[in-house]
Amino acid sequence: MNQQALPTSDQLKSLLRQGIFAVQQRDWGEAYEVLGEALDGYRQRGEKIPALLLSYYALALGMHTRKFKQAIEFCQSALTTEPARVEHYANLAQLYVAAGFRRKAVEAISRGLDVDGTYPRLLQLRATLGWRRPPVIRSLSRDHWLNIFLGKVRHTLKPPKLEAVAVTRSKKRTSIGSR
């Protein structure tokens, strides 16, 4: 019988790190292959698949193969297992954006920011999507003159948190880039 040796725990952790790095580099094909290999390794060993692996594999699957329905289900499963891990929300939001579900992406970002309001990927996704506060008087349309006026007053008195974070981050990047 030709039996392959089971991958060690260290090998699987190494594959996970490599896959996450490939995702960060947006090398979806490499991430899909490496994380798929790690996923198979956990299955061969009969061990529970870590939620972090499932979440990043879901992102790679969706971005590489465009199988968004399956990818979103995997990511939601990871979120169910570890609801306090903000990376899962970022991966899910990125999948929703790629699949064209803007409203669901905004909801995932919002839930993720409830967990950790300073997570850079979620703040970046939120800035990319654009973020609007609800109209001051919700029973009137957004473009009603009273909502426009009150919105300007609200903005003057209490600017959105996103702008303060974005300004701080852009200053840090400028100072880091000039070294």
N, C-alpha and C. Protein backbone atom coordinates (compact mmCIF):
# COMPACT_ATOMS: atom_id res chain seq x y z
N MET A 1 0.82 -1.17 0.00
CA MET A 1 0.00 0.00 0.00
C MET A 1 0.87 1.24 0.00
N ASN A 2 0.54 2.21 -0.84
CA ASN A 2 1.31 3.44 -0.93
C ASN A 2 0.65 4.50 -0.05
N GLN A 3 1.09 4.57 1.18
CA GLN A 3 0.51 5.49 2.15
C GLN A 3 1.41 6.70 2.29
N GLN A 4 0.86 7.88 2.09
CA GLN A 4 1.63 9.10 2.28
C GLN A 4 1.72 9.41 3.76
N ALA A 5 2.86 9.98 4.15
CA ALA A 5 3.02 10.38 5.55
C ALA A 5 2.11 11.58 5.83
N LEU A 6 1.50 11.54 7.00
CA LEU A 6 0.64 12.65 7.38
C LEU A 6 1.50 13.87 7.67
N PRO A 7 1.02 15.06 7.29
CA PRO A 7 1.79 16.27 7.59
C PRO A 7 1.82 16.52 9.09
N THR A 8 2.92 17.06 9.55
CA THR A 8 3.03 17.37 10.99
C THR A 8 2.26 18.65 11.30
N SER A 9 2.04 18.85 12.56
CA SER A 9 1.35 20.06 13.01
C SER A 9 2.14 21.30 12.62
N ASP A 10 3.47 21.24 12.75
CA ASP A 10 4.31 22.38 12.37
C ASP A 10 4.23 22.66 10.87
N GLN A 11 4.18 21.61 10.06
CA GLN A 11 4.06 21.79 8.61
C GLN A 11 2.74 22.47 8.26
N LEU A 12 1.67 22.07 8.94
CA LEU A 12 0.36 22.67 8.68
C LEU A 12 0.33 24.13 9.10
N LYS A 13 0.96 24.44 10.25
CA LYS A 13 1.02 25.84 10.68
C LYS A 13 1.84 26.68 9.71
N SER A 14 2.89 26.09 9.18
CA SER A 14 3.73 26.79 8.20
C SER A 14 2.94 27.06 6.92
N LEU A 15 2.17 26.07 6.48
CA LEU A 15 1.33 26.27 5.30
C LEU A 15 0.31 27.38 5.53
N LEU A 16 -0.27 27.41 6.72
CA LEU A 16 -1.24 28.46 7.06
C LEU A 16 -0.58 29.83 6.98
N ARG A 17 0.62 29.97 7.56
CA ARG A 17 1.34 31.26 7.51
C ARG A 17 1.64 31.66 6.07
N GLN A 18 2.09 30.69 5.26
CA GLN A 18 2.39 30.97 3.85
C GLN A 18 1.12 31.41 3.10
N GLY A 19 0.02 30.74 3.38
CA GLY A 19 -1.24 31.08 2.73
C GLY A 19 -1.73 32.46 3.11
N ILE A 20 -1.62 32.80 4.39
CA ILE A 20 -2.04 34.13 4.83
C ILE A 20 -1.15 35.19 4.18
N PHE A 21 0.14 34.91 4.08
CA PHE A 21 1.05 35.84 3.42
C PHE A 21 0.65 36.03 1.95
N ALA A 22 0.30 34.93 1.28
CA ALA A 22 -0.12 35.02 -0.12
C ALA A 22 -1.40 35.84 -0.26
N VAL A 23 -2.32 35.69 0.69
CA VAL A 23 -3.55 36.49 0.68
C VAL A 23 -3.19 37.97 0.84
N GLN A 24 -2.31 38.27 1.78
CA GLN A 24 -1.90 39.66 2.00
C GLN A 24 -1.25 40.26 0.76
N GLN A 25 -0.60 39.42 -0.03
CA GLN A 25 0.03 39.87 -1.28
C GLN A 25 -0.95 39.85 -2.44
N ARG A 26 -2.17 39.42 -2.17
CA ARG A 26 -3.23 39.28 -3.18
C ARG A 26 -2.85 38.29 -4.29
N ASP A 27 -2.06 37.29 -3.92
CA ASP A 27 -1.71 36.21 -4.84
C ASP A 27 -2.73 35.09 -4.60
N TRP A 28 -3.91 35.27 -5.18
CA TRP A 28 -5.04 34.41 -4.88
C TRP A 28 -4.80 32.96 -5.29
N GLY A 29 -4.15 32.74 -6.41
CA GLY A 29 -3.88 31.38 -6.87
C GLY A 29 -2.97 30.64 -5.91
N GLU A 30 -1.89 31.28 -5.51
CA GLU A 30 -0.95 30.68 -4.55
C GLU A 30 -1.65 30.43 -3.21
N ALA A 31 -2.40 31.41 -2.74
CA ALA A 31 -3.11 31.26 -1.47
C ALA A 31 -4.10 30.10 -1.54
N TYR A 32 -4.81 29.99 -2.64
CA TYR A 32 -5.79 28.92 -2.81
C TYR A 32 -5.10 27.55 -2.75
N GLU A 33 -3.97 27.42 -3.41
CA GLU A 33 -3.24 26.15 -3.43
C GLU A 33 -2.68 25.80 -2.05
N VAL A 34 -1.99 26.75 -1.44
CA VAL A 34 -1.32 26.49 -0.16
C VAL A 34 -2.33 26.25 0.95
N LEU A 35 -3.36 27.09 1.02
CA LEU A 35 -4.36 26.91 2.07
C LEU A 35 -5.19 25.65 1.83
N GLY A 36 -5.41 25.30 0.56
CA GLY A 36 -6.11 24.05 0.24
C GLY A 36 -5.30 22.84 0.69
N GLU A 37 -3.98 22.94 0.54
CA GLU A 37 -3.10 21.86 1.00
C GLU A 37 -3.17 21.73 2.52
N ALA A 38 -3.18 22.87 3.21
CA ALA A 38 -3.28 22.84 4.67
C ALA A 38 -4.63 22.25 5.10
N LEU A 39 -5.69 22.64 4.41
CA LEU A 39 -7.03 22.13 4.70
C LEU A 39 -7.06 20.61 4.54
N ASP A 40 -6.49 20.13 3.45
CA ASP A 40 -6.42 18.67 3.21
C ASP A 40 -5.61 17.98 4.30
N GLY A 41 -4.54 18.63 4.75
CA GLY A 41 -3.69 18.06 5.80
C GLY A 41 -4.46 17.87 7.10
N TYR A 42 -5.25 18.87 7.47
CA TYR A 42 -6.05 18.74 8.69
C TYR A 42 -7.09 17.63 8.54
N ARG A 43 -7.67 17.54 7.35
CA ARG A 43 -8.67 16.48 7.11
C ARG A 43 -8.02 15.10 7.20
N GLN A 44 -6.82 14.95 6.61
CA GLN A 44 -6.10 13.67 6.66
C GLN A 44 -5.78 13.27 8.09
N ARG A 45 -5.42 14.24 8.89
CA ARG A 45 -5.07 13.97 10.28
C ARG A 45 -6.32 13.75 11.15
N GLY A 46 -7.48 14.07 10.61
CA GLY A 46 -8.71 13.90 11.36
C GLY A 46 -8.88 14.96 12.44
N GLU A 47 -8.20 16.08 12.28
CA GLU A 47 -8.27 17.15 13.27
C GLU A 47 -9.29 18.20 12.85
N LYS A 48 -9.72 18.95 13.84
CA LYS A 48 -10.64 20.05 13.57
C LYS A 48 -9.89 21.12 12.78
N ILE A 49 -10.54 21.65 11.76
CA ILE A 49 -9.93 22.68 10.92
C ILE A 49 -10.01 24.01 11.66
N PRO A 50 -8.86 24.68 11.84
CA PRO A 50 -8.87 25.97 12.54
C PRO A 50 -9.73 27.00 11.78
N ALA A 51 -10.45 27.81 12.53
CA ALA A 51 -11.32 28.82 11.93
C ALA A 51 -10.51 29.81 11.10
N LEU A 52 -9.30 30.13 11.55
CA LEU A 52 -8.46 31.07 10.80
C LEU A 52 -8.14 30.52 9.41
N LEU A 53 -7.82 29.24 9.34
CA LEU A 53 -7.55 28.59 8.05
C LEU A 53 -8.79 28.62 7.18
N LEU A 54 -9.92 28.29 7.75
CA LEU A 54 -11.17 28.26 7.00
C LEU A 54 -11.52 29.65 6.45
N SER A 55 -11.31 30.66 7.25
CA SER A 55 -11.62 32.03 6.84
C SER A 55 -10.74 32.49 5.68
N TYR A 56 -9.44 32.27 5.82
CA TYR A 56 -8.53 32.70 4.75
C TYR A 56 -8.68 31.83 3.50
N TYR A 57 -8.95 30.54 3.69
CA TYR A 57 -9.20 29.68 2.53
C TYR A 57 -10.45 30.16 1.80
N ALA A 58 -11.47 30.54 2.56
CA ALA A 58 -12.70 31.04 1.95
C ALA A 58 -12.42 32.27 1.09
N LEU A 59 -11.61 33.18 1.61
CA LEU A 59 -11.27 34.38 0.84
C LEU A 59 -10.52 34.01 -0.43
N ALA A 60 -9.53 33.13 -0.31
CA ALA A 60 -8.76 32.71 -1.48
C ALA A 60 -9.65 31.99 -2.49
N LEU A 61 -10.53 31.12 -2.00
CA LEU A 61 -11.46 30.39 -2.86
C LEU A 61 -12.33 31.36 -3.65
N GLY A 62 -12.92 32.30 -2.95
CA GLY A 62 -13.80 33.25 -3.61
C GLY A 62 -13.08 34.12 -4.62
N MET A 63 -11.93 34.63 -4.24
CA MET A 63 -11.21 35.54 -5.13
C MET A 63 -10.56 34.81 -6.31
N HIS A 64 -10.14 33.58 -6.11
CA HIS A 64 -9.47 32.85 -7.17
C HIS A 64 -10.45 32.15 -8.12
N THR A 65 -11.45 31.48 -7.56
CA THR A 65 -12.36 30.69 -8.38
C THR A 65 -13.69 31.39 -8.65
N ARG A 66 -13.95 32.49 -7.92
CA ARG A 66 -15.21 33.24 -8.03
C ARG A 66 -16.41 32.42 -7.54
N LYS A 67 -16.18 31.41 -6.72
CA LYS A 67 -17.26 30.61 -6.13
C LYS A 67 -17.66 31.29 -4.81
N PHE A 68 -18.35 32.41 -4.95
CA PHE A 68 -18.63 33.25 -3.79
C PHE A 68 -19.59 32.62 -2.80
N LYS A 69 -20.59 31.90 -3.28
CA LYS A 69 -21.57 31.31 -2.37
C LYS A 69 -20.88 30.35 -1.39
N GLN A 70 -20.06 29.46 -1.92
CA GLN A 70 -19.35 28.50 -1.08
C GLN A 70 -18.35 29.21 -0.17
N ALA A 71 -17.66 30.19 -0.72
CA ALA A 71 -16.66 30.93 0.06
C ALA A 71 -17.31 31.67 1.22
N ILE A 72 -18.43 32.30 0.97
CA ILE A 72 -19.13 33.04 2.03
C ILE A 72 -19.61 32.08 3.11
N GLU A 73 -20.09 30.91 2.73
CA GLU A 73 -20.52 29.91 3.72
C GLU A 73 -19.35 29.48 4.60
N PHE A 74 -18.18 29.24 3.99
CA PHE A 74 -16.99 28.87 4.77
C PHE A 74 -16.62 29.98 5.75
N CYS A 75 -16.65 31.20 5.27
CA CYS A 75 -16.26 32.33 6.12
C CYS A 75 -17.27 32.51 7.27
N GLN A 76 -18.53 32.35 6.98
CA GLN A 76 -19.55 32.45 8.04
C GLN A 76 -19.37 31.34 9.06
N SER A 77 -18.95 30.17 8.61
CA SER A 77 -18.68 29.07 9.53
C SER A 77 -17.52 29.42 10.46
N ALA A 78 -16.49 30.04 9.91
CA ALA A 78 -15.36 30.47 10.73
C ALA A 78 -15.80 31.51 11.75
N LEU A 79 -16.69 32.41 11.33
CA LEU A 79 -17.21 33.44 12.23
C LEU A 79 -18.04 32.83 13.34
N THR A 80 -18.79 31.80 13.04
CA THR A 80 -19.61 31.12 14.05
C THR A 80 -18.70 30.49 15.10
N THR A 81 -17.58 29.94 14.65
CA THR A 81 -16.64 29.30 15.57
C THR A 81 -15.89 30.31 16.42
N GLU A 82 -15.45 31.40 15.80
CA GLU A 82 -14.69 32.44 16.51
C GLU A 82 -15.27 33.83 16.23
N PRO A 83 -16.38 34.17 16.89
CA PRO A 83 -17.03 35.45 16.59
C PRO A 83 -16.23 36.68 17.05
N ALA A 84 -15.25 36.49 17.91
CA ALA A 84 -14.48 37.62 18.40
C ALA A 84 -13.23 37.88 17.58
N ARG A 85 -12.99 37.11 16.54
CA ARG A 85 -11.79 37.30 15.71
C ARG A 85 -12.14 38.22 14.54
N VAL A 86 -11.60 39.41 14.57
CA VAL A 86 -11.96 40.47 13.64
C VAL A 86 -11.52 40.16 12.20
N GLU A 87 -10.52 39.34 12.01
CA GLU A 87 -10.06 38.99 10.66
C GLU A 87 -11.17 38.30 9.85
N HIS A 88 -11.99 37.53 10.52
CA HIS A 88 -13.07 36.83 9.84
C HIS A 88 -14.06 37.83 9.24
N TYR A 89 -14.35 38.89 9.99
CA TYR A 89 -15.27 39.92 9.49
C TYR A 89 -14.67 40.62 8.27
N ALA A 90 -13.36 40.89 8.32
CA ALA A 90 -12.70 41.54 7.20
C ALA A 90 -12.72 40.64 5.96
N ASN A 91 -12.45 39.36 6.14
CA ASN A 91 -12.47 38.42 5.01
C ASN A 91 -13.88 38.31 4.43
N LEU A 92 -14.87 38.22 5.32
CA LEU A 92 -16.26 38.12 4.86
C LEU A 92 -16.67 39.39 4.11
N ALA A 93 -16.31 40.54 4.64
CA ALA A 93 -16.65 41.80 3.98
C ALA A 93 -15.99 41.88 2.61
N GLN A 94 -14.74 41.46 2.52
CA GLN A 94 -14.04 41.49 1.23
C GLN A 94 -14.71 40.56 0.22
N LEU A 95 -15.18 39.42 0.69
CA LEU A 95 -15.92 38.50 -0.19
C LEU A 95 -17.23 39.13 -0.66
N TYR A 96 -17.94 39.75 0.26
CA TYR A 96 -19.21 40.40 -0.11
C TYR A 96 -18.97 41.51 -1.14
N VAL A 97 -17.92 42.30 -0.96
CA VAL A 97 -17.61 43.35 -1.92
C VAL A 97 -17.34 42.75 -3.30
N ALA A 98 -16.51 41.72 -3.34
CA ALA A 98 -16.16 41.08 -4.61
C ALA A 98 -17.38 40.44 -5.28
N ALA A 99 -18.31 39.94 -4.47
CA ALA A 99 -19.51 39.30 -5.01
C ALA A 99 -20.59 40.32 -5.38
N GLY A 100 -20.37 41.59 -5.03
CA GLY A 100 -21.33 42.63 -5.37
C GLY A 100 -22.42 42.85 -4.35
N PHE A 101 -22.23 42.36 -3.13
CA PHE A 101 -23.22 42.54 -2.06
C PHE A 101 -22.76 43.66 -1.12
N ARG A 102 -22.88 44.89 -1.58
CA ARG A 102 -22.37 46.04 -0.83
C ARG A 102 -23.02 46.16 0.56
N ARG A 103 -24.32 46.03 0.62
CA ARG A 103 -25.03 46.20 1.89
C ARG A 103 -24.55 45.16 2.92
N LYS A 104 -24.39 43.92 2.49
CA LYS A 104 -23.91 42.89 3.41
C LYS A 104 -22.46 43.15 3.81
N ALA A 105 -21.67 43.70 2.90
CA ALA A 105 -20.28 44.06 3.23
C ALA A 105 -20.26 45.13 4.30
N VAL A 106 -21.12 46.12 4.17
CA VAL A 106 -21.20 47.19 5.16
C VAL A 106 -21.60 46.63 6.52
N GLU A 107 -22.54 45.69 6.53
CA GLU A 107 -22.97 45.06 7.79
C GLU A 107 -21.82 44.28 8.42
N ALA A 108 -21.07 43.52 7.62
CA ALA A 108 -19.94 42.76 8.15
C ALA A 108 -18.87 43.69 8.70
N ILE A 109 -18.61 44.78 8.00
CA ILE A 109 -17.63 45.77 8.48
C ILE A 109 -18.09 46.36 9.80
N SER A 110 -19.35 46.72 9.87
CA SER A 110 -19.89 47.31 11.09
C SER A 110 -19.79 46.34 12.28
N ARG A 111 -20.15 45.09 12.06
CA ARG A 111 -20.05 44.08 13.13
C ARG A 111 -18.59 43.87 13.54
N GLY A 112 -17.70 43.86 12.57
CA GLY A 112 -16.28 43.70 12.87
C GLY A 112 -15.72 44.89 13.65
N LEU A 113 -16.14 46.09 13.29
CA LEU A 113 -15.67 47.27 14.02
C LEU A 113 -16.25 47.34 15.43
N ASP A 114 -17.40 46.68 15.64
CA ASP A 114 -17.93 46.56 17.01
C ASP A 114 -17.00 45.71 17.87
N VAL A 115 -16.35 44.73 17.25
CA VAL A 115 -15.40 43.87 17.96
C VAL A 115 -14.09 44.61 18.21
N ASP A 116 -13.56 45.25 17.15
CA ASP A 116 -12.31 46.01 17.26
C ASP A 116 -12.41 47.20 16.33
N GLY A 117 -12.67 48.35 16.90
CA GLY A 117 -12.86 49.57 16.13
C GLY A 117 -11.61 50.14 15.50
N THR A 118 -10.45 49.52 15.73
CA THR A 118 -9.21 50.06 15.19
C THR A 118 -8.56 49.13 14.15
N TYR A 119 -9.24 48.06 13.77
CA TYR A 119 -8.63 47.09 12.86
C TYR A 119 -8.44 47.73 11.48
N PRO A 120 -7.19 47.83 11.03
CA PRO A 120 -6.88 48.58 9.80
C PRO A 120 -7.58 48.07 8.53
N ARG A 121 -7.68 46.76 8.35
CA ARG A 121 -8.32 46.24 7.13
C ARG A 121 -9.78 46.64 7.05
N LEU A 122 -10.47 46.60 8.20
CA LEU A 122 -11.88 46.99 8.19
C LEU A 122 -12.03 48.49 7.95
N LEU A 123 -11.16 49.29 8.55
CA LEU A 123 -11.21 50.73 8.32
C LEU A 123 -10.93 51.06 6.86
N GLN A 124 -9.99 50.33 6.28
CA GLN A 124 -9.67 50.54 4.87
C GLN A 124 -10.84 50.14 3.97
N LEU A 125 -11.46 49.00 4.26
CA LEU A 125 -12.63 48.58 3.49
C LEU A 125 -13.77 49.58 3.62
N ARG A 126 -13.96 50.07 4.84
CA ARG A 126 -15.02 51.05 5.07
C ARG A 126 -14.75 52.32 4.28
N ALA A 127 -13.50 52.77 4.27
CA ALA A 127 -13.15 53.97 3.51
C ALA A 127 -13.31 53.74 2.01
N THR A 128 -12.98 52.55 1.55
CA THR A 128 -13.09 52.22 0.13
C THR A 128 -14.55 52.22 -0.31
N LEU A 129 -15.40 51.64 0.52
CA LEU A 129 -16.82 51.56 0.17
C LEU A 129 -17.51 52.92 0.29
N GLY A 130 -16.97 53.75 1.13
CA GLY A 130 -17.66 55.00 1.44
C GLY A 130 -18.63 54.73 2.57
N TRP A 131 -18.75 55.66 3.44
CA TRP A 131 -19.56 55.45 4.62
C TRP A 131 -20.41 56.68 4.86
N ARG A 132 -21.69 56.50 4.86
CA ARG A 132 -22.59 57.62 5.08
C ARG A 132 -23.38 57.40 6.35
N ARG A 133 -23.50 58.45 7.09
CA ARG A 133 -24.38 58.38 8.25
C ARG A 133 -25.82 58.41 7.76
N PRO A 134 -26.73 57.90 8.58
CA PRO A 134 -28.14 57.99 8.18
C PRO A 134 -28.58 59.46 8.20
N PRO A 135 -29.61 59.79 7.43
CA PRO A 135 -30.12 61.18 7.47
C PRO A 135 -30.53 61.56 8.89
N VAL A 136 -30.39 62.83 9.21
CA VAL A 136 -30.73 63.29 10.56
C VAL A 136 -32.21 63.03 10.83
N ILE A 137 -33.05 63.37 9.89
CA ILE A 137 -34.49 63.09 10.02
C ILE A 137 -34.79 61.97 9.03
N ARG A 138 -34.90 60.77 9.53
CA ARG A 138 -35.03 59.59 8.67
C ARG A 138 -36.32 59.54 7.87
N SER A 139 -37.35 60.24 8.33
CA SER A 139 -38.62 60.21 7.60
C SER A 139 -38.56 61.09 6.35
N LEU A 140 -37.56 61.96 6.26
CA LEU A 140 -37.37 62.78 5.07
C LEU A 140 -36.29 62.16 4.19
N SER A 141 -36.33 62.46 2.91
CA SER A 141 -35.31 61.91 2.01
C SER A 141 -33.95 62.52 2.35
N ARG A 142 -32.91 61.83 1.93
CA ARG A 142 -31.54 62.26 2.19
C ARG A 142 -31.26 63.63 1.57
N ASP A 143 -31.88 63.90 0.40
CA ASP A 143 -31.58 65.15 -0.30
C ASP A 143 -32.58 66.28 0.02
N HIS A 144 -33.41 66.09 1.03
CA HIS A 144 -34.31 67.16 1.48
C HIS A 144 -33.46 68.27 2.10
N TRP A 145 -33.84 69.52 1.86
CA TRP A 145 -33.02 70.66 2.31
C TRP A 145 -32.77 70.65 3.81
N LEU A 146 -33.76 70.22 4.58
CA LEU A 146 -33.60 70.21 6.03
C LEU A 146 -32.58 69.16 6.47
N ASN A 147 -32.60 67.99 5.84
CA ASN A 147 -31.61 66.95 6.14
C ASN A 147 -30.21 67.40 5.72
N ILE A 148 -30.11 68.08 4.61
CA ILE A 148 -28.81 68.58 4.15
C ILE A 148 -28.27 69.59 5.16
N PHE A 149 -29.11 70.54 5.56
CA PHE A 149 -28.67 71.56 6.51
C PHE A 149 -28.29 70.94 7.86
N LEU A 150 -29.17 70.10 8.41
CA LEU A 150 -28.89 69.48 9.70
C LEU A 150 -27.69 68.54 9.63
N GLY A 151 -27.51 67.88 8.49
CA GLY A 151 -26.34 67.03 8.31
C GLY A 151 -25.05 67.82 8.36
N LYS A 152 -25.05 69.01 7.76
CA LYS A 152 -23.86 69.88 7.80
C LYS A 152 -23.59 70.34 9.23
N VAL A 153 -24.65 70.67 9.95
CA VAL A 153 -24.48 71.08 11.35
C VAL A 153 -23.93 69.92 12.17
N ARG A 154 -24.50 68.74 12.00
CA ARG A 154 -24.02 67.55 12.72
C ARG A 154 -22.56 67.28 12.39
N HIS A 155 -22.19 67.41 11.14
CA HIS A 155 -20.80 67.16 10.73
C HIS A 155 -19.85 68.17 11.38
N THR A 156 -20.30 69.41 11.49
CA THR A 156 -19.47 70.45 12.11
C THR A 156 -19.29 70.17 13.60
N LEU A 157 -20.37 69.78 14.26
CA LEU A 157 -20.32 69.54 15.69
C LEU A 157 -19.64 68.22 16.05
N LYS A 158 -19.86 67.20 15.22
CA LYS A 158 -19.33 65.87 15.52
C LYS A 158 -18.90 65.19 14.23
N PRO A 159 -17.66 65.43 13.79
CA PRO A 159 -17.20 64.80 12.54
C PRO A 159 -17.14 63.29 12.69
N PRO A 160 -17.28 62.56 11.57
CA PRO A 160 -17.22 61.10 11.64
C PRO A 160 -15.86 60.63 12.14
N LYS A 161 -15.85 59.53 12.87
CA LYS A 161 -14.60 58.97 13.40
C LYS A 161 -13.67 58.54 12.29
N LEU A 162 -14.23 58.10 11.17
CA LEU A 162 -13.43 57.59 10.06
C LEU A 162 -12.43 58.63 9.58
N GLU A 163 -12.87 59.88 9.46
CA GLU A 163 -11.98 60.92 8.94
C GLU A 163 -10.79 61.12 9.87
N ALA A 164 -11.02 61.10 11.16
CA ALA A 164 -9.92 61.29 12.11
C ALA A 164 -8.92 60.16 12.00
N VAL A 165 -9.40 58.94 11.87
CA VAL A 165 -8.53 57.78 11.75
C VAL A 165 -7.76 57.83 10.44
N ALA A 166 -8.45 58.18 9.35
CA ALA A 166 -7.81 58.23 8.04
C ALA A 166 -6.71 59.29 8.01
N VAL A 167 -6.96 60.44 8.61
CA VAL A 167 -5.95 61.51 8.64
C VAL A 167 -4.74 61.05 9.44
N THR A 168 -4.96 60.45 10.59
CA THR A 168 -3.87 59.96 11.42
C THR A 168 -3.06 58.92 10.67
N ARG A 169 -3.72 57.99 10.01
CA ARG A 169 -3.02 56.93 9.28
C ARG A 169 -2.23 57.50 8.10
N SER A 170 -2.80 58.46 7.38
CA SER A 170 -2.09 58.99 6.23
C SER A 170 -0.85 59.75 6.67
N LYS A 171 -0.90 60.42 7.82
CA LYS A 171 0.28 61.11 8.34
C LYS A 171 1.36 60.10 8.72
N LYS A 172 0.95 58.98 9.32
CA LYS A 172 1.93 57.95 9.69
C LYS A 172 2.58 57.37 8.45
N ARG A 173 1.80 57.11 7.42
CA ARG A 173 2.35 56.55 6.18
C ARG A 173 3.32 57.52 5.53
N THR A 174 2.97 58.81 5.56
CA THR A 174 3.85 59.81 4.97
C THR A 174 5.18 59.85 5.71
N SER A 175 5.13 59.83 7.05
CA SER A 175 6.38 59.89 7.81
C SER A 175 7.18 58.61 7.66
N ILE A 176 6.50 57.48 7.53
CA ILE A 176 7.21 56.21 7.35
C ILE A 176 7.84 56.15 5.97
N GLY A 177 7.09 56.62 4.96
CA GLY A 177 7.57 56.57 3.60
C GLY A 177 8.74 57.52 3.35
N SER A 178 8.92 58.57 4.17
CA SER A 178 9.97 59.54 3.93
C SER A 178 11.28 59.15 4.59
N ARG A 179 11.33 58.06 5.28
CA ARG A 179 12.56 57.61 5.92
C ARG A 179 13.55 57.10 4.95
